[in-house]
Amino acid sequence: MSAITTHVLDTARGRPAADVPVTLEVRADDGVWALVGRGLTDADGRLRTLVPAGAAIEARVYRITFDTEAYFNTVGVTGFYPEVSIVFRVRSASEHHHVPLLLNPYGYSTYRGS
């Protein structure tokens, strides 16, 4: 399992959000973002492979971006947020970091999961 994972739940539909495009980036000391990994959520709304196999994460600031517009288009819904970006800090690279997204067409929330 990747050291950084995510899970997207569509709270309006009451089910996992499948096939949501997700990117993960890390911020360098100069403030420039670099791509770490990308993928699509599975049928259960999960993405466990954001960090490539064998790659280590560092204690840095990361940004995970969800292409919510692509998802809403596939389910035939007009949403307000075309994308959701969550910026978070990894303080201990040895820990697992799970960043869930609870999503609906006009709102979203997140938290540090387990």
C-alpha atoms as a PDB file:
ATOM      1  CA  MET A   1       0.000   0.000   0.000  1.00  0.00           C
ATOM      2  CA  SER A   2       1.127   3.515  -0.754  1.00  0.00           C
ATOM      3  CA  ALA A   3       2.231   5.762   2.111  1.00  0.00           C
ATOM      4  CA  ILE A   4      -0.438   8.261   0.964  1.00  0.00           C
ATOM      5  CA  THR A   5      -3.890   6.991   0.030  1.00  0.00           C
ATOM      6  CA  THR A   6      -7.336   8.464  -0.544  1.00  0.00           C
ATOM      7  CA  HIS A   7     -10.990   7.510  -0.605  1.00  0.00           C
ATOM      8  CA  VAL A   8     -13.784   9.524  -2.243  1.00  0.00           C
ATOM      9  CA  LEU A   9     -17.376   9.159  -1.110  1.00  0.00           C
ATOM     10  CA  ASP A  10     -20.231  10.814  -2.982  1.00  0.00           C
ATOM     11  CA  THR A  11     -22.431  11.861  -0.069  1.00  0.00           C
ATOM     12  CA  ALA A  12     -25.264  13.042  -2.349  1.00  0.00           C
ATOM     13  CA  ARG A  13     -25.560   9.620  -3.965  1.00  0.00           C
ATOM     14  CA  GLY A  14     -24.672   7.656  -0.843  1.00  0.00           C
ATOM     15  CA  ARG A  15     -21.935   5.621  -2.494  1.00  0.00           C
ATOM     16  CA  PRO A  16     -18.234   5.567  -3.350  1.00  0.00           C
ATOM     17  CA  ALA A  17     -17.100   7.819  -6.183  1.00  0.00           C
ATOM     18  CA  ALA A  18     -15.458   5.598  -8.798  1.00  0.00           C
ATOM     19  CA  ASP A  19     -13.124   6.759 -11.574  1.00  0.00           C
ATOM     20  CA  VAL A  20     -12.232  10.110 -10.029  1.00  0.00           C
ATOM     21  CA  PRO A  21      -8.922  11.325 -11.511  1.00  0.00           C
ATOM     22  CA  VAL A  22      -6.482  12.192  -8.696  1.00  0.00           C
ATOM     23  CA  THR A  23      -2.991  13.700  -8.707  1.00  0.00           C
ATOM     24  CA  LEU A  24      -0.492  13.932  -5.867  1.00  0.00           C
ATOM     25  CA  GLU A  25       2.238  16.573  -5.809  1.00  0.00           C
ATOM     26  CA  VAL A  26       5.004  17.542  -3.398  1.00  0.00           C
ATOM     27  CA  ARG A  27       6.160  21.122  -2.760  1.00  0.00           C
ATOM     28  CA  ALA A  28       9.880  21.779  -3.116  1.00  0.00           C
ATOM     29  CA  ASP A  29      11.770  24.255  -0.936  1.00  0.00           C
ATOM     30  CA  ASP A  30      11.415  26.887  -3.684  1.00  0.00           C
ATOM     31  CA  GLY A  31       7.614  26.483  -3.648  1.00  0.00           C
ATOM     32  CA  VAL A  32       7.384  24.657  -6.972  1.00  0.00           C
ATOM     33  CA  TRP A  33       5.054  21.645  -7.086  1.00  0.00           C
ATOM     34  CA  ALA A  34       6.339  18.356  -8.556  1.00  0.00           C
ATOM     35  CA  LEU A  35       4.196  15.408  -9.569  1.00  0.00           C
ATOM     36  CA  VAL A  36       4.508  12.347  -7.326  1.00  0.00           C
ATOM     37  CA  GLY A  37       1.749  10.192  -8.806  1.00  0.00           C
ATOM     38  CA  ARG A  38      -1.704  10.003 -10.307  1.00  0.00           C
ATOM     39  CA  GLY A  39      -4.507   7.564 -10.806  1.00  0.00           C
ATOM     40  CA  LEU A  40      -8.232   6.872 -10.719  1.00  0.00           C
ATOM     41  CA  THR A  41     -10.322   5.815  -7.765  1.00  0.00           C
ATOM     42  CA  ASP A  42     -11.524   2.213  -7.957  1.00  0.00           C
ATOM     43  CA  ALA A  43     -15.110   0.917  -7.723  1.00  0.00           C
ATOM     44  CA  ASP A  44     -14.946   1.394  -3.937  1.00  0.00           C
ATOM     45  CA  GLY A  45     -13.800   5.022  -4.381  1.00  0.00           C
ATOM     46  CA  ARG A  46     -10.271   4.199  -3.180  1.00  0.00           C
ATOM     47  CA  LEU A  47      -6.864   4.953  -4.625  1.00  0.00           C
ATOM     48  CA  ARG A  48      -4.039   3.046  -2.961  1.00  0.00           C
ATOM     49  CA  THR A  49      -1.280   3.620  -5.533  1.00  0.00           C
ATOM     50  CA  LEU A  50      -0.680   7.383  -5.508  1.00  0.00           C
ATOM     51  CA  VAL A  51       2.956   6.956  -4.513  1.00  0.00           C
ATOM     52  CA  PRO A  52       4.714   4.676  -7.030  1.00  0.00           C
ATOM     53  CA  ALA A  53       5.888   1.304  -5.739  1.00  0.00           C
ATOM     54  CA  GLY A  54       9.292   1.559  -4.107  1.00  0.00           C
ATOM     55  CA  ALA A  55       9.160   5.359  -3.859  1.00  0.00           C
ATOM     56  CA  ALA A  56       9.465   6.902  -0.423  1.00  0.00           C
ATOM     57  CA  ILE A  57       7.683   9.980   0.804  1.00  0.00           C
ATOM     58  CA  GLU A  58       9.446  12.707   2.737  1.00  0.00           C
ATOM     59  CA  ALA A  59       8.391  15.001   5.546  1.00  0.00           C
ATOM     60  CA  ARG A  60       7.135  17.789   3.268  1.00  0.00           C
ATOM     61  CA  VAL A  61       3.982  19.564   2.115  1.00  0.00           C
ATOM     62  CA  TYR A  62       1.827  17.663  -0.365  1.00  0.00           C
ATOM     63  CA  ARG A  63      -1.160  18.555  -2.522  1.00  0.00           C
ATOM     64  CA  ILE A  64      -3.773  16.049  -3.609  1.00  0.00           C
ATOM     65  CA  THR A  65      -6.120  17.241  -6.366  1.00  0.00           C
ATOM     66  CA  PHE A  66      -9.377  15.582  -7.352  1.00  0.00           C
ATOM     67  CA  ASP A  67     -10.839  16.232 -10.824  1.00  0.00           C
ATOM     68  CA  THR A  68     -14.397  16.488  -9.554  1.00  0.00           C
ATOM     69  CA  GLU A  69     -15.702  17.917 -12.828  1.00  0.00           C
ATOM     70  CA  ALA A  70     -14.683  14.731 -14.663  1.00  0.00           C
ATOM     71  CA  TYR A  71     -16.447  12.664 -12.013  1.00  0.00           C
ATOM     72  CA  PHE A  72     -19.629  14.763 -12.034  1.00  0.00           C
ATOM     73  CA  ASN A  73     -19.724  14.572 -15.837  1.00  0.00           C
ATOM     74  CA  THR A  74     -19.646  10.759 -15.706  1.00  0.00           C
ATOM     75  CA  VAL A  75     -22.588  10.627 -13.282  1.00  0.00           C
ATOM     76  CA  GLY A  76     -24.574  13.316 -15.117  1.00  0.00           C
ATOM     77  CA  VAL A  77     -24.457  15.946 -12.396  1.00  0.00           C
ATOM     78  CA  THR A  78     -23.606  19.637 -12.585  1.00  0.00           C
ATOM     79  CA  GLY A  79     -21.259  20.512  -9.746  1.00  0.00           C
ATOM     80  CA  PHE A  80     -20.010  23.811  -8.389  1.00  0.00           C
ATOM     81  CA  TYR A  81     -16.380  22.784  -7.806  1.00  0.00           C
ATOM     82  CA  PRO A  82     -14.511  21.634 -10.947  1.00  0.00           C
ATOM     83  CA  GLU A  83     -11.656  20.412  -8.775  1.00  0.00           C
ATOM     84  CA  VAL A  84     -10.782  20.025  -5.122  1.00  0.00           C
ATOM     85  CA  SER A  85      -7.211  20.489  -3.906  1.00  0.00           C
ATOM     86  CA  ILE A  86      -6.168  19.550  -0.395  1.00  0.00           C
ATOM     87  CA  VAL A  87      -2.792  20.714   0.856  1.00  0.00           C
ATOM     88  CA  PHE A  88      -1.410  18.831   3.849  1.00  0.00           C
ATOM     89  CA  ARG A  89       1.844  18.339   5.710  1.00  0.00           C
ATOM     90  CA  VAL A  90       3.563  15.008   6.245  1.00  0.00           C
ATOM     91  CA  ARG A  91       5.467  15.314   9.508  1.00  0.00           C
ATOM     92  CA  SER A  92       6.500  11.680   9.831  1.00  0.00           C
ATOM     93  CA  ALA A  93       7.352   9.945   6.566  1.00  0.00           C
ATOM     94  CA  SER A  94       7.186   6.553   8.281  1.00  0.00           C
ATOM     95  CA  GLU A  95       3.452   6.916   8.958  1.00  0.00           C
ATOM     96  CA  HIS A  96       0.599   6.096   6.594  1.00  0.00           C
ATOM     97  CA  HIS A  97      -1.387   9.175   5.493  1.00  0.00           C
ATOM     98  CA  HIS A  98      -4.987   8.681   4.366  1.00  0.00           C
ATOM     99  CA  VAL A  99      -6.768  11.739   2.941  1.00  0.00           C
ATOM    100  CA  PRO A 100     -10.477  11.042   2.328  1.00  0.00           C
ATOM    101  CA  LEU A 101     -12.824  13.344   0.437  1.00  0.00           C
ATOM    102  CA  LEU A 102     -16.553  13.515   1.167  1.00  0.00           C
ATOM    103  CA  LEU A 103     -18.063  15.049  -1.943  1.00  0.00           C
ATOM    104  CA  ASN A 104     -21.380  16.381  -3.201  1.00  0.00           C
ATOM    105  CA  PRO A 105     -22.163  18.785  -6.059  1.00  0.00           C
ATOM    106  CA  TYR A 106     -22.139  21.877  -3.826  1.00  0.00           C
ATOM    107  CA  GLY A 107     -19.769  21.026  -1.022  1.00  0.00           C
ATOM    108  CA  TYR A 108     -17.014  18.809   0.259  1.00  0.00           C
ATOM    109  CA  SER A 109     -15.129  18.005   3.426  1.00  0.00           C
ATOM    110  CA  THR A 110     -11.989  16.127   4.321  1.00  0.00           C
ATOM    111  CA  TYR A 111     -10.093  14.836   7.324  1.00  0.00           C
ATOM    112  CA  ARG A 112      -7.018  12.799   8.155  1.00  0.00           C
ATOM    113  CA  GLY A 113      -8.157   9.212   8.006  1.00  0.00           C
ATOM    114  CA  SER A 114      -6.540   6.029   9.169  1.00  0.00           C
END
